[in-house]
Protein backbone atom coordinates (compact mmCIF):
# COMPACT_ATOMS: atom_id res chain seq x y z
CA MET A 1 18.61 -2.27 8.39
CA SER A 2 17.20 0.53 6.19
CA ARG A 3 15.17 3.43 7.37
CA VAL A 4 11.91 4.27 5.54
CA LEU A 5 9.80 7.40 5.76
CA VAL A 6 6.18 6.77 5.00
CA VAL A 7 3.79 9.72 4.42
CA GLY A 8 0.15 8.96 3.92
CA HIS A 9 -3.16 7.67 5.33
CA ALA A 10 -4.03 5.90 8.50
CA CYS A 11 -7.57 4.87 9.50
CA VAL A 12 -9.53 2.22 11.37
CA ASP A 13 -11.27 -0.70 9.59
CA LEU A 14 -14.25 -2.78 10.43
CA ILE A 15 -14.21 -5.84 8.24
CA THR A 16 -17.01 -8.44 8.15
CA ARG A 17 -17.44 -11.59 6.20
CA LEU A 18 -20.98 -12.36 5.06
CA SER A 19 -22.52 -15.46 3.56
CA ARG A 20 -24.32 -13.24 1.06
CA ARG A 21 -25.25 -9.63 0.53
CA PRO A 22 -28.08 -8.52 2.79
CA GLY A 23 -31.41 -7.40 1.32
CA THR A 24 -33.12 -4.13 1.88
CA ASP A 25 -33.86 -3.60 5.59
CA GLU A 26 -32.49 -7.05 6.38
CA LYS A 27 -30.33 -7.78 9.45
CA LEU A 28 -27.77 -10.40 8.53
CA GLU A 29 -25.33 -11.76 11.09
CA ALA A 30 -21.68 -11.73 9.94
CA GLU A 31 -19.77 -14.98 9.96
CA VAL A 32 -16.76 -13.31 11.40
CA ALA A 33 -15.64 -9.74 12.09
CA TRP A 34 -12.38 -7.88 12.58
CA PHE A 35 -11.70 -4.37 13.89
CA GLY A 36 -8.33 -2.64 13.79
CA GLY A 37 -6.03 -0.14 12.13
CA GLY A 38 -5.87 0.27 8.40
CA GLY A 39 -5.02 2.81 5.67
CA PRO A 40 -2.53 2.32 2.79
CA GLY A 41 0.32 4.28 4.31
CA ALA A 42 -0.12 2.77 7.76
CA ASN A 43 -0.45 -0.73 6.31
CA ALA A 44 2.71 -0.36 4.32
CA ALA A 45 4.46 0.99 7.40
CA VAL A 46 3.59 -2.11 9.36
CA ALA A 47 4.58 -4.43 6.50
CA LEU A 48 7.98 -2.78 6.17
CA ARG A 49 8.55 -2.88 9.90
CA ARG A 50 7.73 -6.60 10.01
CA LEU A 51 10.19 -7.14 7.15
CA GLY A 52 12.95 -5.71 9.35
CA HIS A 53 13.16 -1.96 8.45
CA GLU A 54 13.10 0.95 10.74
CA VAL A 55 9.97 2.87 9.80
CA SER A 56 8.68 6.41 10.58
CA LEU A 57 5.13 7.29 9.69
CA ALA A 58 3.65 10.71 9.15
CA ALA A 59 -0.12 10.39 9.21
CA ARG A 60 -3.12 12.04 10.81
CA LEU A 61 -5.02 10.40 13.57
CA GLY A 62 -7.70 12.09 15.63
CA ARG A 63 -8.10 12.41 19.43
CA ASP A 64 -11.09 10.04 19.34
CA PRO A 65 -11.44 6.35 20.36
CA ALA A 66 -10.63 5.15 16.78
CA GLY A 67 -7.45 7.25 16.77
CA GLY A 68 -6.37 5.64 20.04
CA VAL A 69 -6.87 2.16 18.57
CA ALA A 70 -4.78 2.98 15.42
CA GLU A 71 -2.03 4.67 17.43
CA ARG A 72 -1.67 1.74 19.88
CA GLU A 73 -1.37 -0.78 17.16
CA LEU A 74 1.19 1.21 15.24
CA LEU A 75 3.32 1.73 18.33
CA ASP A 76 3.02 -1.91 19.30
CA GLU A 77 4.33 -2.71 15.81
CA GLY A 78 7.37 -0.55 16.43
CA VAL A 79 6.45 2.13 13.95
CA ASP A 80 7.75 5.64 14.95
CA LEU A 81 4.85 8.08 14.70
CA LEU A 82 6.10 11.53 13.65
CA GLU A 83 2.87 13.47 14.29
CA PRO A 84 0.76 13.61 17.46
CA ARG A 85 -2.96 12.94 17.36
CA ALA A 86 -4.85 16.07 16.44
CA GLU A 87 -8.26 17.49 17.29
CA GLY A 88 -10.98 15.83 15.21
CA THR A 89 -12.06 12.39 14.17
CA THR A 90 -10.12 9.58 12.59
CA SER A 91 -11.02 8.15 9.12
CA LEU A 92 -13.13 4.99 9.24
CA ALA A 93 -13.72 2.22 6.70
CA GLN A 94 -16.44 -0.41 6.67
CA ILE A 95 -15.58 -3.42 4.49
CA GLN A 96 -17.99 -6.22 3.66
CA VAL A 97 -16.54 -9.42 2.16
CA VAL A 98 -18.72 -11.89 0.37
CA GLY A 99 -16.73 -14.82 -1.21
CA GLU A 100 -13.79 -13.16 -2.91
CA GLU A 101 -15.68 -9.91 -3.50
CA ARG A 102 -15.66 -7.01 -1.21
CA SER A 103 -17.41 -3.55 -0.94
CA ILE A 104 -16.21 -0.54 1.02
CA ALA A 105 -17.95 2.37 2.63
CA TRP A 106 -15.67 4.91 4.21
CA LYS A 107 -15.77 8.32 5.94
CA ARG A 108 -12.86 10.63 5.92
CA GLY A 109 -11.89 12.08 9.25
CA ASP A 110 -11.89 15.81 10.02
CA THR A 111 -8.48 16.35 11.41
CA PRO A 112 -6.38 19.09 9.84
CA PRO A 113 -4.06 18.03 6.99
CA LEU A 114 -0.39 17.44 7.59
CA ASP A 115 1.47 20.79 7.18
CA PRO A 116 5.06 20.46 8.38
CA ASP A 117 7.48 23.30 8.00
CA ALA A 118 10.70 22.94 6.22
CA ASP A 119 12.81 22.27 9.37
CA THR A 120 10.35 19.53 10.37
CA VAL A 121 10.54 17.91 7.01
CA ASP A 122 14.41 17.96 7.06
CA ALA A 123 14.21 16.37 10.49
CA TRP A 124 12.01 13.61 9.05
CA PHE A 125 14.65 12.83 6.47
CA GLU A 126 17.52 12.25 8.85
CA GLY A 127 19.05 8.88 8.01
CA VAL A 128 16.23 7.95 5.67
CA ASP A 129 17.05 5.53 2.84
CA LEU A 130 13.60 5.55 1.04
CA LEU A 131 10.52 7.77 0.96
CA TYR A 132 7.17 5.96 0.53
CA VAL A 133 3.97 7.92 -0.26
CA ASP A 134 0.39 6.70 -0.84
CA GLY A 135 -1.44 9.47 -2.59
CA HIS A 136 -3.19 10.85 0.48
CA GLU A 137 -1.99 14.04 2.39
CA ARG A 138 -1.36 15.56 -1.00
CA GLY A 139 0.16 18.84 0.07
CA CYS A 140 2.57 17.27 2.50
CA ALA A 141 3.35 14.48 0.04
CA HIS A 142 4.31 16.93 -2.75
CA ARG A 143 6.60 18.74 -0.24
CA VAL A 144 8.39 15.57 0.88
CA VAL A 145 8.73 14.21 -2.60
CA ARG A 146 10.39 17.41 -3.73
CA ARG A 147 12.73 17.23 -0.65
CA ALA A 148 13.58 13.66 -1.32
CA VAL A 149 14.60 14.53 -4.87
CA GLU A 150 16.76 17.37 -3.57
CA ARG A 151 18.40 15.08 -1.07
CA GLY A 152 18.87 12.16 -3.46
CA VAL A 153 16.52 9.86 -1.51
CA PRO A 154 14.64 7.35 -3.73
CA VAL A 155 10.91 7.50 -3.83
CA MET A 156 8.30 4.80 -4.05
CA ALA A 157 4.52 5.28 -4.23
CA ASP A 158 1.34 3.23 -3.86
CA LEU A 159 -0.44 4.07 -7.14
CA GLY A 160 -3.89 2.73 -6.34
CA THR A 161 -5.81 5.72 -7.46
CA LEU A 162 -4.85 8.60 -9.84
CA ARG A 163 -5.27 11.47 -7.37
CA GLU A 164 -4.75 15.09 -8.17
CA GLY A 165 -1.03 15.93 -8.47
CA VAL A 166 0.28 12.41 -8.48
CA GLU A 167 1.56 12.83 -12.05
CA GLU A 168 4.16 15.23 -10.51
CA TRP A 169 5.65 12.29 -8.56
CA LEU A 170 5.91 9.85 -11.43
CA PRO A 171 9.12 11.16 -12.92
CA HIS A 172 10.86 10.63 -9.55
CA LEU A 173 9.80 7.04 -8.75
CA VAL A 174 12.26 4.19 -8.67
CA TRP A 175 9.34 1.83 -9.54
CA ALA A 176 5.94 2.80 -10.91
CA VAL A 177 3.46 -0.04 -10.44
CA GLY A 178 -0.25 0.94 -10.23
CA SER A 179 -3.56 -0.71 -10.04
CA GLU A 180 -5.72 -1.38 -13.14
CA ARG A 181 -7.80 1.59 -12.07
CA PHE A 182 -4.74 3.83 -12.03
CA GLY A 183 -3.51 2.60 -15.42
CA ARG A 184 -7.03 3.10 -16.97
CA ALA A 185 -7.16 6.72 -15.64
CA LEU A 186 -3.55 7.56 -16.63
CA SER A 187 -4.07 6.27 -20.23
CA GLY A 188 -7.25 8.27 -20.66
CA GLY A 189 -9.71 5.45 -20.16
CA SER A 190 -8.16 2.72 -22.24
CA GLU A 191 -8.95 -0.84 -21.45
CA ASP A 192 -5.75 -2.12 -23.04
CA PRO A 193 -3.12 -3.17 -20.50
CA ASP A 194 -0.31 -2.29 -22.91
CA ALA A 195 -1.68 1.24 -23.12
CA TRP A 196 -1.43 1.40 -19.31
CA LEU A 197 2.21 0.42 -19.47
CA ASP A 198 2.82 2.91 -22.29
CA ALA A 199 1.35 5.70 -20.15
CA LEU A 200 3.30 4.69 -17.10
CA SER A 201 6.54 4.41 -19.19
CA ALA A 202 6.13 7.92 -20.63
CA ALA A 203 5.39 9.40 -17.20
CA ALA A 204 7.92 7.50 -15.14
CA SER A 205 10.76 7.37 -17.60
CA SER A 206 13.46 7.07 -14.99
CA ALA A 207 11.89 4.09 -13.11
CA ILE A 208 13.55 0.73 -13.09
CA GLY A 209 10.24 -0.61 -14.27
CA VAL A 210 6.59 0.11 -14.62
CA GLY A 211 3.62 -2.28 -14.14
CA THR A 212 0.08 -3.02 -13.30
CA THR A 213 -1.29 -5.29 -10.62
CA ARG A 214 -4.29 -7.37 -11.76
CA GLY A 215 -5.47 -9.18 -8.66
CA ARG A 216 -6.25 -12.89 -9.23
CA ARG A 217 -4.62 -12.60 -12.76
CA GLY A 218 -1.21 -11.52 -11.20
CA GLY A 219 0.19 -8.61 -13.07
CA ILE A 220 2.29 -7.29 -15.93
CA ALA A 221 5.38 -5.06 -15.99
CA ARG A 222 7.87 -3.53 -18.44
CA VAL A 223 11.54 -3.19 -17.57
CA GLY A 224 13.37 -1.66 -20.41
CA ASP A 225 12.57 -3.73 -23.49
CA ARG A 226 11.40 -6.69 -21.38
CA ARG A 227 7.85 -7.47 -20.71
CA LEU A 228 7.39 -9.43 -17.46
CA ARG A 229 4.33 -11.24 -16.09
CA TRP A 230 3.69 -12.71 -12.75
CA GLY A 231 0.88 -15.01 -11.65
CA PRO A 232 -1.14 -15.10 -8.41
CA ARG A 233 0.20 -17.16 -5.53
CA LYS A 234 -1.32 -20.42 -4.46
CA VAL A 235 -3.30 -19.28 -1.41
CA ARG A 236 -6.96 -19.55 -0.55
CA VAL A 237 -8.20 -16.06 -0.92
CA ARG A 238 -10.43 -15.01 2.07
CA ASP A 239 -10.03 -11.23 2.11
CA THR A 240 -8.04 -8.97 -0.27
CA THR A 241 -8.14 -5.89 2.16
CA ALA A 242 -4.55 -4.43 2.26
CA ALA A 243 -3.18 -6.75 -0.48
CA GLY A 244 -2.22 -3.84 -2.71
CA ASP A 245 -0.60 -1.98 0.21
CA ALA A 246 1.41 -5.10 1.10
CA PHE A 247 2.36 -5.59 -2.55
CA HIS A 248 3.84 -2.05 -2.75
CA ALA A 249 5.57 -2.46 0.62
CA GLY A 250 7.07 -5.69 -0.65
CA LEU A 251 8.35 -3.93 -3.82
CA ALA A 252 9.94 -1.23 -1.61
CA ASP A 253 11.55 -3.89 0.50
CA ALA A 254 12.98 -5.62 -2.64
CA TYR A 255 14.37 -2.38 -3.89
CA LEU A 256 16.17 -1.76 -0.53
CA HIS A 257 17.53 -5.37 -0.64
CA GLU A 258 18.72 -4.74 -4.26
CA ARG A 259 16.82 -7.64 -5.78
CA ASP A 260 16.71 -7.89 -9.59
CA PRO A 261 13.44 -6.74 -11.23
CA GLU A 262 11.88 -10.14 -11.76
CA ALA A 263 12.66 -11.31 -8.21
CA SER A 264 11.38 -8.01 -6.89
CA LEU A 265 7.98 -8.42 -8.55
CA GLN A 266 7.68 -12.06 -7.33
CA TRP A 267 8.56 -11.03 -3.81
CA ALA A 268 6.05 -8.23 -3.83
CA ALA A 269 3.40 -10.60 -5.19
CA ALA A 270 4.08 -12.99 -2.35
CA VAL A 271 3.90 -10.31 0.31
CA GLY A 272 0.66 -9.05 -1.21
CA ALA A 273 -0.80 -12.55 -1.12
CA SER A 274 0.16 -13.06 2.43
CA VAL A 275 -2.66 -10.83 3.68
CA CYS A 276 -5.34 -12.65 1.63
CA ARG A 277 -5.31 -15.85 3.68
CA ASP A 278 -7.98 -14.74 6.20
CA LEU A 279 -9.98 -11.72 7.27
CA GLY A 280 -8.28 -8.69 8.70
CA GLY A 281 -5.97 -6.97 6.22
CA ARG A 282 -2.70 -6.05 7.89
CA GLN A 283 -3.01 -8.57 10.75
CA MET A 284 -2.39 -11.40 8.29
CA LEU A 285 1.06 -10.08 7.24
CA PRO A 286 3.68 -12.59 8.37
CA ARG A 287 5.25 -11.52 11.62
CA ASP A 288 8.87 -11.47 10.41
CA ARG A 289 11.11 -11.79 7.38
CA THR A 290 11.99 -15.37 8.03
CA ARG A 291 8.36 -16.44 8.04
CA MET A 292 7.72 -14.41 4.85
CA GLU A 293 10.62 -16.15 3.05
CA ALA A 294 9.19 -19.50 4.13
CA PHE A 295 5.75 -18.48 2.93
CA GLU A 296 7.13 -17.35 -0.48
CA ARG A 297 8.68 -20.81 -0.97
CA ALA A 298 5.50 -22.52 0.10
CA TRP A 299 3.20 -20.58 -2.20
CA PRO A 300 4.00 -21.38 -5.81
CA GLU A 301 3.18 -18.99 -8.65
CA LEU A 302 0.12 -19.98 -10.59
CA ASP A 303 -0.38 -19.49 -14.32
CA PRO A 304 -1.70 -15.97 -14.77
CA ASP A 305 -3.99 -17.23 -17.62
CA ARG A 306 -5.61 -19.93 -15.53
């Protein structure tokens, strides 16, 4: 069993499925609703815990009712919370799902940022096999990435959005797979997927591979001179909330299990697809590794050009 340190964002999500988008001033009853913990770092922590790793999470939660909900869920999952809840409010996200499309409105909490001293950071790293960061808590994330490099701990990151300072992490990542939005921003606005891979390859030259996730089109990657593609999995997509978080957690898990690059990307794609089967983001992750392996076998890869 590996030990993973996750530094990043935790929040609470309210997700509703609607038959259509409501009009101005219209009240439209949701078909179904789900309320619970979210956030890219927290979602990845839960995914990695369910896949069998010991997981510690450094994230800010407020001393408000939402923070209590998120804290209880994470503790029930077996995630070790490194920071106590702080004065202030917890970040919230409202997600509306119509068909396979979703829209998000969110409000950042007003808790103070994570600001651990050097001794605390060193304590966090005791026995850690992998550091995982998500682009939030930037000051703290920069500190722990630097400490991971000094200690020889591999680093992985959820590259969903090109946030300020993330370029500093890229040379240290063991995998560098980002969203289309990330690739577009890193390449200076190019719409060419190969330009996204070129930009990632230049910035993350020591990574095993670089790639871009493309939702229902699967994804593309470059490993040395090889260009790899993976297709979406054969699941009925009901809600894509947390799919990217789960993909990156699956890739981290594959790295810890020393899978080859192609198998790593396929496993990550299956873990990402696992949360799309119904409403509720992280709650849809398979409960354990055995179930995830069974799901991977049951969900064949589709043609990415379909």
